[in-house]
Structures are given as C-alpha cells and as structure tokens.
Amino acid sequence: HSLLSELLVQSIDRGRDATGFAAFTEPLDGPRKSRIITDKEPIESTGFVRQNPFWRSLSRIRCRSIVGHVRASTSGSPLVNANNHPHEGVCAKSGMFSLVHNGWVENVSDLVDRHSLKLRTDCDTEVAARLIEHAGSIPEGLYRCLTEVRGAQAYAVLDWKTGTTYLTRDDNRPLWVCRLTDNRRVLYASTPQIITRAVQKRLGPCDDWIGDLHPLAPGY
C-alpha cells in the first residue's frame, strides 16, 4: 500500500486538480471474495492518500490490480466530481469497468453523433468509456479509441469481473511499465521517473528492485 501511495504522490506534477482510483481487492482470508473499491476527489494526491478513507482501507486487504489517476483538467470542472477519473462503464461481454486517461479528445461531438452515444459529464474522457460500452468489450473498445479518437491517449482500464488491467497508448502520450525483481508486481506510470522515485523511497535501491522498465509500445 505504501508503494501505491508513493506512485500517486510522485505523479503529482502530472496533475493537481483531482485524484482517483479503482482497485480489484480480495480479503486476506478469502481470496475468492473479490470486490471493487473506488473513489475520487478534487484534491491533490498528497492529501488524497492521507485522508481518503477508501484509499486508506487498501492497507488492510490484498489489492490484486489497480488503476490510479491524478488529473490536470482540460474539460469539465474538477469541482464536479463526476468529471474526474476513473470513469465507469458496462460492457455487454465483460460487465463493469473503470477507465483512466492521460490526454485529451478533440472530436467528442463527432464521436457522439457517429455512434449515438449519451454522455453524463462534461469531461472529454467520458467519450472513451462510452466507446468501449458501444463496442461491447474492453479490447475492441480500446481499439476503436486508438483508431477513431483525435487527440492524445494513454489508457488504463480495470475489468471489474476478472481484475485484468488493460493498458494502451498512442504516439502522443507516454506510458511506462516496470516489472519488479520479486516477479509478483508490475507497475505502470506516465514517466519512468515516477516509478524509480517511488521504488527508491518505499522499497530501496532501484538496481535491487527493478527488473525491467520500458515504454509501452504505441497501439498496445
């Protein structure tokens, strides 16, 4: 939990308007009793990890996968919490999901008209969640985002049913992936510095803990 908190704290320069997360959790004494814990607030990550009761509750349970976000708003006031990330949706094939996005969408109106989408917020990112719903599955929906959305895109999407986290990006936004040497944990962030600073502060020397650190290839 301390490492996850540090990743959010070290991401603060990427966005100070809001912080949010969605986590696939399992109780320590019942690994098959999974549930989603999620929340978001219009505050900086440093305050969020100290104060948010849902985030703090993760320290007492097993967190199998998580998507987190610090927001620098481009559309939709962060004071209206529905505009903040994660955004949620429901796929016909896989059920509910949570999506976070680094970037912006320039052709929201075009996508809404083309696919008869219904938006509930003023945040441009929501259109990506509705595209995934319209596609019927997370992989197909992310493919549509990469091929139809104009702007800049890096996405992390959490499948509520399986706990799978899907990552993808275009050429306009960074996304880095790290495998730790314990072979149990995989981290991701917008920059390698976020990962290395968090690991150094919470685990120890990067040479001891980071087994692999590389940028995700565009289109994944």
Protein backbone atom coordinates (compact mmCIF):
# COMPACT_ATOMS: atom_id res chain seq x y z
CA HIS A 1 0.00 0.00 0.00
CA SER A 2 2.85 2.38 0.75
CA LEU A 3 4.28 1.83 -2.74
CA LEU A 4 0.92 2.51 -4.39
CA SER A 5 0.55 5.68 -2.32
CA GLU A 6 4.02 6.81 -3.31
CA LEU A 7 3.26 6.29 -7.01
CA LEU A 8 0.32 8.70 -6.68
CA VAL A 9 2.40 11.20 -4.71
CA GLN A 10 5.26 11.09 -7.22
CA SER A 11 2.73 11.66 -10.03
CA ILE A 12 1.55 14.98 -8.60
CA ASP A 13 3.29 17.10 -11.22
CA ARG A 14 1.17 15.36 -13.88
CA GLY A 15 -2.00 16.79 -12.34
CA ARG A 16 -3.12 18.59 -9.19
CA ASP A 17 -6.85 19.10 -9.85
CA ALA A 18 -8.14 15.71 -8.68
CA THR A 19 -7.09 12.20 -7.65
CA GLY A 20 -8.90 8.89 -8.05
CA PHE A 21 -8.54 5.11 -8.24
CA ALA A 22 -10.31 1.81 -8.72
CA ALA A 23 -8.91 -1.38 -7.13
CA PHE A 24 -9.72 -5.07 -7.50
CA THR A 25 -9.37 -6.38 -3.95
CA GLU A 26 -9.51 -9.67 -2.07
CA PRO A 27 -9.67 -10.20 1.70
CA LEU A 28 -6.59 -11.91 3.10
CA ASP A 29 -8.72 -14.76 4.49
CA GLY A 30 -10.94 -15.20 1.42
CA PRO A 31 -9.17 -14.71 -1.92
CA ARG A 32 -12.26 -15.65 -3.93
CA LYS A 33 -14.42 -12.95 -2.35
CA SER A 34 -13.28 -10.13 -4.61
CA ARG A 35 -14.76 -6.65 -4.67
CA ILE A 36 -14.06 -3.30 -6.26
CA ILE A 37 -13.11 -0.32 -4.13
CA THR A 38 -13.14 3.02 -5.94
CA ASP A 39 -13.29 6.71 -5.16
CA LYS A 40 -12.18 10.10 -6.45
CA GLU A 41 -11.92 13.62 -5.06
CA PRO A 42 -10.98 17.09 -6.36
CA ILE A 43 -7.79 17.26 -4.27
CA GLU A 44 -4.06 16.73 -4.85
CA SER A 45 -2.65 13.23 -4.46
CA THR A 46 -0.66 14.09 -1.34
CA GLY A 47 -3.85 14.91 0.54
CA PHE A 48 -5.81 12.08 -1.06
CA VAL A 49 -3.52 9.28 0.14
CA ARG A 50 -3.56 10.71 3.69
CA GLN A 51 -7.26 11.47 4.02
CA ASN A 52 -9.40 9.36 1.68
CA PRO A 53 -10.96 6.52 3.73
CA PHE A 54 -11.42 4.23 0.72
CA TRP A 55 -7.78 4.57 -0.28
CA ARG A 56 -6.61 4.04 3.30
CA SER A 57 -8.71 0.87 3.52
CA LEU A 58 -6.46 -0.76 0.90
CA SER A 59 -3.73 -1.12 3.53
CA ARG A 60 -5.80 -3.82 5.27
CA ILE A 61 -6.68 -6.01 2.30
CA ARG A 62 -5.00 -7.64 -0.69
CA CYS A 63 -5.06 -5.41 -3.78
CA ARG A 64 -4.61 -7.56 -6.89
CA SER A 65 -4.84 -4.80 -9.51
CA ILE A 66 -5.46 -1.07 -9.57
CA VAL A 67 -5.83 1.94 -11.83
CA GLY A 68 -4.97 5.35 -10.41
CA HIS A 69 -5.10 8.89 -11.75
CA VAL A 70 -4.01 12.44 -10.98
CA ARG A 71 -5.91 14.96 -13.08
CA ALA A 72 -4.90 18.11 -14.89
CA SER A 73 -8.31 19.10 -16.20
CA THR A 74 -8.78 20.01 -19.87
CA SER A 75 -12.60 19.91 -19.96
CA GLY A 76 -15.19 19.66 -17.23
CA SER A 77 -14.65 21.31 -13.85
CA PRO A 78 -12.86 19.08 -11.33
CA LEU A 79 -15.12 20.56 -8.65
CA VAL A 80 -17.89 18.45 -10.20
CA ASN A 81 -16.61 15.08 -9.08
CA ALA A 82 -18.31 13.16 -11.89
CA ASN A 83 -15.85 14.81 -14.29
CA ASN A 84 -12.87 13.27 -12.50
CA HIS A 85 -11.29 9.89 -13.13
CA PRO A 86 -11.92 6.97 -13.09
CA HIS A 87 -14.90 6.91 -15.44
CA GLU A 88 -17.07 3.82 -15.29
CA GLY A 89 -18.94 1.83 -17.91
CA VAL A 90 -20.62 -1.51 -18.58
CA CYS A 91 -19.71 -3.86 -21.44
CA ALA A 92 -22.16 -6.44 -22.74
CA LYS A 93 -19.46 -9.15 -22.72
CA SER A 94 -17.44 -8.44 -19.58
CA GLY A 95 -19.55 -6.23 -17.33
CA MET A 96 -18.37 -3.15 -15.46
CA PHE A 97 -15.02 -1.42 -15.89
CA SER A 98 -13.14 1.68 -14.70
CA LEU A 99 -11.11 3.83 -17.09
CA VAL A 100 -8.41 6.45 -16.54
CA HIS A 101 -6.94 8.54 -19.34
CA ASN A 102 -3.88 10.69 -19.84
CA GLY A 103 -4.55 13.09 -22.72
CA TRP A 104 -7.46 14.83 -24.36
CA VAL A 105 -10.15 14.23 -27.00
CA GLU A 106 -10.68 16.77 -29.79
CA ASN A 107 -13.61 15.14 -31.64
CA VAL A 108 -16.10 14.42 -28.85
CA SER A 109 -19.12 15.76 -30.77
CA ASP A 110 -18.24 13.77 -33.87
CA LEU A 111 -17.95 10.51 -31.90
CA VAL A 112 -21.21 11.16 -30.03
CA ASP A 113 -23.08 11.77 -33.29
CA ARG A 114 -21.47 8.89 -35.18
CA HIS A 115 -22.28 6.27 -32.54
CA SER A 116 -25.33 7.87 -30.85
CA LEU A 117 -23.50 8.00 -27.52
CA LYS A 118 -25.00 9.54 -24.39
CA LEU A 119 -22.63 11.48 -22.14
CA ARG A 120 -23.34 12.20 -18.48
CA THR A 121 -20.44 14.55 -17.72
CA ASP A 122 -18.55 17.48 -19.23
CA CYS A 123 -15.23 15.59 -19.29
CA ASP A 124 -13.90 14.67 -22.74
CA THR A 125 -12.52 11.36 -21.41
CA GLU A 126 -16.02 10.02 -20.85
CA VAL A 127 -16.46 9.51 -24.58
CA ALA A 128 -13.77 6.80 -24.44
CA ALA A 129 -15.74 4.91 -21.80
CA ARG A 130 -18.89 5.15 -23.91
CA LEU A 131 -17.00 3.93 -26.99
CA ILE A 132 -15.92 0.84 -25.04
CA GLU A 133 -19.52 0.25 -23.96
CA HIS A 134 -20.67 0.63 -27.56
CA ALA A 135 -18.04 -1.84 -28.78
CA GLY A 136 -19.17 -4.45 -26.27
CA SER A 137 -15.73 -5.43 -24.95
CA ILE A 138 -12.73 -3.63 -23.48
CA PRO A 139 -10.17 -4.76 -26.11
CA GLU A 140 -12.44 -3.87 -29.02
CA GLY A 141 -13.37 -0.57 -27.40
CA LEU A 142 -9.76 0.43 -26.86
CA TYR A 143 -9.02 -0.41 -30.49
CA ARG A 144 -11.82 1.96 -31.51
CA CYS A 145 -10.40 4.65 -29.24
CA LEU A 146 -6.99 4.37 -30.89
CA THR A 147 -8.45 4.44 -34.40
CA GLU A 148 -11.30 6.95 -34.01
CA VAL A 149 -10.33 9.42 -31.27
CA ARG A 150 -8.40 12.51 -32.29
CA GLY A 151 -6.18 13.98 -29.62
CA ALA A 152 -3.77 12.29 -27.21
CA GLN A 153 -4.35 8.98 -25.49
CA ALA A 154 -2.91 6.69 -22.85
CA TYR A 155 -5.47 4.48 -21.10
CA ALA A 156 -5.60 2.08 -18.19
CA VAL A 157 -8.84 0.12 -17.87
CA LEU A 158 -9.76 -2.20 -14.99
CA ASP A 159 -12.15 -5.09 -15.67
CA TRP A 160 -14.31 -5.45 -12.55
CA LYS A 161 -15.08 -9.12 -13.24
CA THR A 162 -11.57 -10.52 -13.71
CA GLY A 163 -9.32 -7.84 -12.24
CA THR A 164 -7.46 -7.58 -15.55
CA THR A 165 -5.88 -4.20 -16.28
CA TYR A 166 -5.67 -3.20 -19.94
CA LEU A 167 -3.03 -0.66 -21.00
CA THR A 168 -2.77 1.12 -24.33
CA ARG A 169 -1.48 4.38 -25.77
CA ASP A 170 -0.93 6.30 -28.98
CA ASP A 171 2.17 8.16 -30.17
CA ASN A 172 1.18 11.35 -28.34
CA ARG A 173 1.23 10.15 -24.72
CA PRO A 174 3.82 8.21 -22.69
CA LEU A 175 3.18 5.06 -20.64
CA TRP A 176 5.94 3.11 -18.89
CA VAL A 177 5.76 -0.41 -17.47
CA CYS A 178 8.01 -1.90 -14.77
CA ARG A 179 8.39 -5.47 -13.52
CA LEU A 180 9.89 -5.76 -10.05
CA THR A 181 12.52 -8.35 -9.23
CA ASP A 182 10.15 -10.20 -6.86
CA ASN A 183 8.28 -11.32 -10.03
CA ARG A 184 5.00 -10.60 -8.28
CA ARG A 185 4.35 -6.94 -9.05
CA VAL A 186 4.07 -4.92 -12.25
CA LEU A 187 3.91 -1.13 -12.03
CA TYR A 188 2.99 1.46 -14.64
CA ALA A 189 3.12 5.25 -14.80
CA SER A 190 3.36 8.11 -17.26
CA THR A 191 7.12 8.53 -16.81
CA PRO A 192 9.98 6.28 -15.66
CA GLN A 193 10.96 8.86 -13.05
CA ILE A 194 7.64 8.38 -11.22
CA ILE A 195 8.37 4.67 -10.90
CA THR A 196 12.04 4.96 -9.94
CA ARG A 197 11.40 7.64 -7.30
CA ALA A 198 8.58 5.61 -5.74
CA VAL A 199 10.61 2.40 -5.70
CA GLN A 200 13.67 4.16 -4.27
CA LYS A 201 11.66 5.76 -1.48
CA ARG A 202 9.50 2.79 -0.46
CA LEU A 203 11.49 -0.33 -1.35
CA GLY A 204 15.17 0.53 -1.74
CA PRO A 205 17.81 0.86 -4.46
CA CYS A 206 16.34 0.60 -7.96
CA ASP A 207 19.10 -1.80 -9.03
CA ASP A 208 17.87 -4.23 -6.39
CA TRP A 209 14.16 -3.92 -7.15
CA ILE A 210 13.59 -3.01 -10.79
CA GLY A 211 13.96 -5.98 -13.10
CA ASP A 212 12.64 -4.34 -16.26
CA LEU A 213 11.50 -0.81 -17.10
CA HIS A 214 10.39 0.10 -20.62
CA PRO A 215 7.91 2.27 -22.54
CA LEU A 216 4.75 0.53 -23.69
CA ALA A 217 4.74 0.35 -27.47
CA PRO A 218 2.05 2.52 -29.15
CA GLY A 219 -1.05 0.57 -30.13
CA TYR A 220 -1.00 -1.95 -27.31
